[in-house]
Amino acid sequence: MKRTPLTLEPELLRIGTQASSGYHRKIDSTREQVDFHPDTTLRFFINNKAESYETHWHPATEVIMPLENHYQVVVGQTHYDLEPGDILMVPSGELHQLIAPPTGLRLIYIFDPDAISSIKGYSYLAAFIAHAVLITPDNCPAIYDQEADLILKLCREYFTGGHMRELNCYASLLQFFANYGEYRLEQDNAHRSPETPVERQNRLYEKLNTVFDYMDQHYTESISLEMVADVAGFSKYHFSRLFKQCSGYNFYDYLCLLRIKAAETLLLSPELSVTEVALQSGFSSLSTFNRTFKKKKGCTPSEYRTLCSRKVYEE
């Protein structure tokens, strides 16, 4: 698909570039200490520096959109060669590497996901954004233009907004996520029988949203497919099919994902042993935890702790 070049208004580019020139990413070993804008939980900057960053992570979520030239991002084992206009979202806690070309221009937006994670419906979306999300004109043609416009709007609101800057930025961000969630839901519905009434689809969505909320609250407990299917009011066989269809994960893979995410955070607490981390994140044994963690993250919990453990954010 032919792309329409994305540009910033000259005055916005001037203001944003000048405001961003003094911002330097602070990476201590492998943890980035995100310097949010004062009294906010977000940071937007226009980056034109030929600076690359070795593998690192941060509890914030990062959205990257090149405007000029390519930009390479490695998330886990996946390599993304972003073209101008591509939008890549890197979820919190994911190890990633940034490789800049000699020249170029890109928009980078970093925010605290906790600011929106408690909103109803987010838990349903969380299944889709647990890993890096790439939005391009080719893979998301129905929503790409609107999503790209929202990133440009975020840039405008951040650099030219007044006292309502943070509220307006999060309003656009919520719209960005809502668009993507609705798109994924429509993609799912497109694979179902066209005779299924819209009302029934909405009821299914509500039930599955309840399921995701339930799992967010109880993933550290000994929950089973049968238990959660009962929460949704389905047989386990029907529920298992719907869960996979809607989230892209089978039930136990998603439960494992929640536990691994929790373990990543707990491993940053040096006072906790790896065994304590395993039990507190919902794993029944240390051996299961070690095996599962290495399969998902490519390293053992101890190796991850060595790689990522460091001091907390600087205020």
Protein backbone atom coordinates (compact mmCIF):
# COMPACT_ATOMS: atom_id res chain seq x y z
CA MET A 1 0.00 0.00 0.00
CA LYS A 2 1.33 3.43 -0.95
CA ARG A 3 1.97 5.57 2.09
CA THR A 4 1.20 9.23 2.58
CA PRO A 5 4.20 10.90 4.27
CA LEU A 6 3.44 12.01 7.82
CA THR A 7 4.74 15.42 8.81
CA LEU A 8 4.52 17.85 11.68
CA GLU A 9 3.63 21.50 11.24
CA PRO A 10 6.92 23.50 11.03
CA GLU A 11 6.14 25.44 14.21
CA LEU A 12 5.24 22.28 16.16
CA LEU A 13 8.41 20.61 14.88
CA ARG A 14 10.46 23.60 16.00
CA ILE A 15 8.85 23.75 19.46
CA GLY A 16 8.95 19.99 19.98
CA THR A 17 12.53 19.55 18.81
CA GLN A 18 13.71 22.42 20.99
CA ALA A 19 11.83 21.09 24.03
CA SER A 20 13.20 17.58 23.43
CA SER A 21 16.81 18.62 22.88
CA GLY A 22 17.59 18.61 26.60
CA TYR A 23 16.01 15.21 27.25
CA HIS A 24 18.47 12.35 27.59
CA ARG A 25 17.45 8.78 28.18
CA LYS A 26 18.97 7.49 31.42
CA ILE A 27 19.81 3.81 31.27
CA ASP A 28 21.55 2.36 34.29
CA SER A 29 22.82 -1.05 33.23
CA THR A 30 19.61 -2.35 31.64
CA ARG A 31 16.90 -0.37 33.43
CA GLU A 32 15.88 2.98 32.03
CA GLN A 33 15.04 5.57 34.62
CA VAL A 34 12.18 7.34 32.89
CA ASP A 35 12.09 11.07 33.60
CA PHE A 36 8.41 11.88 33.18
CA HIS A 37 7.34 15.45 32.56
CA PRO A 38 7.06 17.16 35.98
CA ASP A 39 3.90 16.23 37.88
CA THR A 40 2.73 13.86 35.11
CA THR A 41 3.04 10.18 34.21
CA LEU A 42 4.09 10.73 30.62
CA ARG A 43 6.99 11.88 28.47
CA PHE A 44 6.84 12.72 24.75
CA PHE A 45 9.90 13.67 22.77
CA ILE A 46 10.84 14.29 19.16
CA ASN A 47 14.06 12.40 18.55
CA ASN A 48 16.49 13.17 15.72
CA LYS A 49 19.63 11.89 17.38
CA ALA A 50 21.75 9.12 15.91
CA GLU A 51 21.84 7.41 19.30
CA SER A 52 21.28 3.69 19.77
CA TYR A 53 20.47 2.02 23.07
CA GLU A 54 21.51 -1.45 24.10
CA THR A 55 19.01 -3.91 25.53
CA HIS A 56 17.06 -2.29 28.37
CA TRP A 57 13.61 -2.15 29.92
CA HIS A 58 11.34 0.14 31.93
CA PRO A 59 7.98 -0.24 33.72
CA ALA A 60 6.50 2.38 31.37
CA THR A 61 4.92 1.60 28.00
CA GLU A 62 6.66 3.05 24.93
CA VAL A 63 5.15 4.03 21.57
CA ILE A 64 7.50 4.72 18.65
CA MET A 65 6.64 6.21 15.25
CA PRO A 66 9.40 7.18 12.78
CA LEU A 67 8.66 10.16 10.53
CA GLU A 68 11.87 10.19 8.49
CA ASN A 69 14.09 7.22 7.71
CA HIS A 70 13.83 3.73 9.19
CA TYR A 71 14.30 2.87 12.86
CA GLN A 72 15.18 -0.57 14.17
CA VAL A 73 13.75 -1.99 17.38
CA VAL A 74 14.44 -5.44 18.83
CA VAL A 75 11.87 -6.64 21.36
CA GLY A 76 12.81 -9.95 22.93
CA GLN A 77 13.74 -12.12 19.96
CA THR A 78 11.73 -10.16 17.38
CA HIS A 79 13.38 -7.59 15.11
CA TYR A 80 11.29 -4.70 13.76
CA ASP A 81 12.59 -2.55 10.91
CA LEU A 82 10.16 0.35 11.19
CA GLU A 83 9.38 2.39 8.10
CA PRO A 84 8.25 6.03 8.33
CA GLY A 85 4.70 6.01 9.67
CA ASP A 86 4.86 2.57 11.33
CA ILE A 87 3.67 2.55 14.94
CA LEU A 88 5.25 0.14 17.42
CA MET A 89 4.10 -0.22 21.00
CA VAL A 90 6.55 -1.85 23.43
CA PRO A 91 4.77 -3.03 26.60
CA SER A 92 6.11 -2.32 30.06
CA GLY A 93 8.76 -4.68 31.36
CA GLU A 94 9.87 -5.93 27.92
CA LEU A 95 13.57 -6.01 27.18
CA HIS A 96 14.20 -4.09 23.96
CA GLN A 97 16.99 -2.52 21.94
CA LEU A 98 16.85 0.67 19.83
CA ILE A 99 19.06 1.05 16.77
CA ALA A 100 19.08 4.49 15.15
CA PRO A 101 20.18 5.32 11.58
CA PRO A 102 22.75 8.11 10.96
CA THR A 103 19.91 10.55 10.25
CA GLY A 104 16.19 10.49 10.88
CA LEU A 105 13.26 11.77 12.87
CA ARG A 106 10.89 9.83 15.12
CA LEU A 107 8.21 10.45 17.73
CA ILE A 108 8.58 8.59 21.04
CA TYR A 109 5.88 8.57 23.69
CA ILE A 110 6.41 6.94 27.11
CA PHE A 111 3.64 6.67 29.69
CA ASP A 112 2.72 4.85 32.87
CA PRO A 113 0.20 2.08 31.98
CA ASP A 114 -1.14 2.06 35.56
CA ALA A 115 -2.83 5.36 34.74
CA ILE A 116 -5.33 3.58 32.48
CA SER A 117 -5.16 -0.08 33.51
CA SER A 118 -8.05 0.17 36.00
CA ILE A 119 -10.54 1.41 33.39
CA LYS A 120 -13.26 -1.12 32.56
CA GLY A 121 -12.46 -2.89 29.31
CA TYR A 122 -8.69 -2.51 29.62
CA SER A 123 -8.28 -6.05 30.94
CA TYR A 124 -9.82 -7.36 27.71
CA LEU A 125 -7.39 -5.27 25.67
CA ALA A 126 -4.46 -6.36 27.84
CA ALA A 127 -4.49 -9.79 26.18
CA PHE A 128 -3.75 -8.13 22.84
CA ILE A 129 -1.05 -5.74 24.04
CA ALA A 130 0.87 -8.08 26.34
CA HIS A 131 3.49 -8.28 23.60
CA ALA A 132 4.77 -5.68 21.16
CA VAL A 133 2.07 -4.37 18.81
CA LEU A 134 2.88 -3.16 15.30
CA ILE A 135 0.34 -0.98 13.48
CA THR A 136 0.97 -0.23 9.80
CA PRO A 137 -1.15 0.65 6.76
CA ASP A 138 -0.71 -2.95 5.63
CA ASN A 139 -1.59 -4.94 8.75
CA CYS A 140 -4.25 -2.58 10.17
CA PRO A 141 -5.62 -0.70 7.13
CA ALA A 142 -9.04 0.01 8.68
CA ILE A 143 -7.66 1.97 11.64
CA TYR A 144 -4.16 3.02 10.62
CA ASP A 145 -4.95 6.57 9.50
CA GLN A 146 -6.89 7.33 12.66
CA GLU A 147 -4.21 5.80 14.91
CA ALA A 148 -1.44 7.76 13.17
CA ASP A 149 -3.46 10.97 13.46
CA LEU A 150 -3.89 10.34 17.19
CA ILE A 151 -0.13 10.02 17.69
CA LEU A 152 0.35 13.34 15.88
CA LYS A 153 -2.44 14.82 18.01
CA LEU A 154 -0.69 13.55 21.15
CA CYS A 155 2.46 15.32 20.01
CA ARG A 156 0.57 18.55 19.44
CA GLU A 157 -1.23 18.38 22.80
CA TYR A 158 1.96 17.57 24.68
CA PHE A 159 4.07 20.40 23.29
CA THR A 160 1.43 23.12 22.94
CA GLY A 161 -1.13 22.18 25.60
CA GLY A 162 -1.70 24.14 28.78
CA HIS A 163 -2.90 23.05 32.21
CA MET A 164 -5.04 20.28 30.65
CA ARG A 165 -2.05 18.77 28.85
CA GLU A 166 -2.00 15.43 30.68
CA LEU A 167 -5.78 14.96 30.56
CA ASN A 168 -5.92 15.70 26.84
CA CYS A 169 -2.97 13.41 26.14
CA TYR A 170 -4.58 10.52 28.00
CA ALA A 171 -7.90 11.20 26.26
CA SER A 172 -6.17 10.71 22.90
CA LEU A 173 -4.27 7.70 24.22
CA LEU A 174 -7.48 6.05 25.41
CA GLN A 175 -9.00 6.63 21.98
CA PHE A 176 -5.91 5.06 20.44
CA PHE A 177 -6.34 1.92 22.56
CA ALA A 178 -10.11 1.84 22.11
CA ASN A 179 -9.67 1.92 18.32
CA TYR A 180 -7.23 -0.98 18.45
CA GLY A 181 -9.42 -3.00 20.84
CA GLU A 182 -12.51 -2.50 18.68
CA TYR A 183 -10.51 -3.43 15.59
CA ARG A 184 -9.32 -6.66 17.15
CA LEU A 185 -12.86 -7.44 18.28
CA GLU A 186 -14.21 -6.81 14.77
CA GLN A 187 -11.49 -9.01 13.29
CA ASP A 188 -12.57 -11.74 15.66
CA ASN A 189 -16.25 -11.28 14.79
CA ALA A 190 -15.45 -11.42 11.07
CA HIS A 191 -14.36 -15.04 11.51
CA ARG A 192 -17.62 -16.01 13.18
CA SER A 193 -20.92 -16.93 11.63
CA PRO A 194 -22.56 -13.88 9.96
CA GLU A 195 -25.90 -15.06 11.37
CA THR A 196 -24.74 -14.40 14.95
CA PRO A 197 -26.67 -11.34 16.22
CA VAL A 198 -24.71 -8.27 17.24
CA GLU A 199 -26.44 -8.33 20.62
CA ARG A 200 -25.10 -11.80 21.27
CA GLN A 201 -21.59 -10.69 20.34
CA ASN A 202 -21.86 -7.83 22.81
CA ARG A 203 -22.93 -10.22 25.56
CA LEU A 204 -19.99 -12.47 24.78
CA TYR A 205 -17.67 -9.49 24.96
CA GLU A 206 -19.05 -8.48 28.35
CA LYS A 207 -18.67 -12.02 29.69
CA LEU A 208 -15.10 -12.31 28.45
CA ASN A 209 -14.28 -8.91 29.89
CA THR A 210 -15.51 -10.24 33.24
CA VAL A 211 -13.22 -13.23 32.76
CA PHE A 212 -10.15 -11.05 32.14
CA ASP A 213 -10.98 -8.96 35.21
CA TYR A 214 -11.37 -12.15 37.27
CA MET A 215 -8.04 -13.51 36.05
CA ASP A 216 -6.28 -10.21 36.82
CA GLN A 217 -7.51 -10.51 40.41
CA HIS A 218 -6.96 -14.25 40.96
CA TYR A 219 -4.01 -15.32 38.79
CA THR A 220 -1.86 -16.02 41.87
CA GLU A 221 -4.41 -18.59 43.07
CA SER A 222 -4.94 -22.14 41.91
CA ILE A 223 -7.54 -21.42 39.24
CA SER A 224 -8.50 -23.79 36.46
CA LEU A 225 -10.14 -23.63 33.05
CA GLU A 226 -13.29 -25.14 34.55
CA MET A 227 -13.47 -22.51 37.31
CA VAL A 228 -13.09 -19.58 34.95
CA ALA A 229 -15.49 -21.08 32.41
CA ASP A 230 -18.03 -21.24 35.22
CA VAL A 231 -17.46 -17.52 35.92
CA ALA A 232 -18.32 -16.83 32.27
CA GLY A 233 -21.28 -19.22 32.33
CA PHE A 234 -19.95 -21.51 29.57
CA SER A 235 -18.92 -25.13 29.31
CA LYS A 236 -15.15 -25.44 29.45
CA TYR A 237 -15.02 -26.60 25.82
CA HIS A 238 -17.06 -23.66 24.52
CA PHE A 239 -15.20 -21.23 26.76
CA SER A 240 -11.81 -22.56 25.70
CA ARG A 241 -12.64 -21.97 22.04
CA LEU A 242 -14.02 -18.48 22.63
CA PHE A 243 -11.08 -17.47 24.82
CA LYS A 244 -8.57 -18.52 22.17
CA GLN A 245 -10.58 -16.84 19.44
CA CYS A 246 -10.84 -13.53 21.28
CA SER A 247 -7.43 -13.25 22.94
CA GLY A 248 -5.12 -15.20 20.68
CA TYR A 249 -4.01 -17.28 23.69
CA ASN A 250 -5.30 -20.48 25.15
CA PHE A 251 -6.42 -20.15 28.75
CA TYR A 252 -3.33 -21.60 30.41
CA ASP A 253 -0.91 -19.64 28.21
CA TYR A 254 -2.62 -16.40 29.19
CA LEU A 255 -2.65 -17.38 32.88
CA CYS A 256 1.06 -18.13 32.57
CA LEU A 257 1.62 -14.74 30.93
CA LEU A 258 -0.01 -12.95 33.88
CA ARG A 259 2.15 -14.86 36.33
CA ILE A 260 5.35 -14.20 34.40
CA LYS A 261 4.56 -10.46 34.28
CA ALA A 262 4.05 -10.47 38.05
CA ALA A 263 7.28 -12.42 38.56
CA GLU A 264 9.25 -9.87 36.52
CA THR A 265 8.27 -7.18 38.99
CA LEU A 266 8.83 -9.33 42.08
CA LEU A 267 12.30 -10.30 40.89
CA LEU A 268 13.33 -6.68 41.31
CA SER A 269 12.90 -7.05 45.07
CA PRO A 270 16.26 -8.37 46.34
CA GLU A 271 14.76 -9.37 49.70
CA LEU A 272 12.65 -12.04 47.98
CA SER A 273 14.20 -15.37 47.09
CA VAL A 274 13.45 -16.85 43.68
CA THR A 275 11.31 -19.48 45.43
CA GLU A 276 9.28 -16.77 47.15
CA VAL A 277 8.84 -14.99 43.81
CA ALA A 278 7.61 -18.23 42.25
CA LEU A 279 4.99 -18.82 44.94
CA GLN A 280 3.85 -15.20 45.16
CA SER A 281 3.31 -15.00 41.40
CA GLY A 282 1.17 -18.13 41.36
CA PHE A 283 3.52 -20.97 40.39
CA SER A 284 3.11 -24.20 42.30
CA SER A 285 6.82 -25.08 42.39
CA LEU A 286 10.25 -23.61 41.77
CA SER A 287 11.01 -26.10 39.00
CA THR A 288 7.84 -25.20 37.11
CA PHE A 289 8.62 -21.52 37.53
CA ASN A 290 12.21 -21.87 36.29
CA ARG A 291 11.17 -23.96 33.29
CA THR A 292 8.27 -21.72 32.31
CA PHE A 293 10.17 -18.47 32.83
CA LYS A 294 13.08 -19.60 30.67
CA LYS A 295 10.72 -20.76 27.94
CA LYS A 296 8.93 -17.40 27.88
CA LYS A 297 11.82 -14.99 28.50
CA GLY A 298 14.84 -16.87 27.16
CA CYS A 299 16.67 -16.79 30.49
CA THR A 300 16.21 -18.15 34.01
CA PRO A 301 14.66 -16.02 36.77
CA SER A 302 18.07 -15.66 38.41
CA GLU A 303 19.64 -14.52 35.15
CA TYR A 304 16.79 -12.06 34.63
CA ARG A 305 17.30 -10.68 38.15
CA THR A 306 21.01 -10.21 37.50
CA LEU A 307 20.28 -8.56 34.17
CA CYS A 308 17.52 -6.23 35.30
CA SER A 309 17.88 -5.59 39.02
CA ARG A 310 18.81 -2.03 39.91
CA LYS A 311 17.66 0.98 41.88
CA VAL A 312 14.14 2.30 41.48
CA TYR A 313 13.20 5.34 39.41
CA GLU A 314 14.82 8.60 40.39
CA GLU A 315 12.18 11.05 41.43
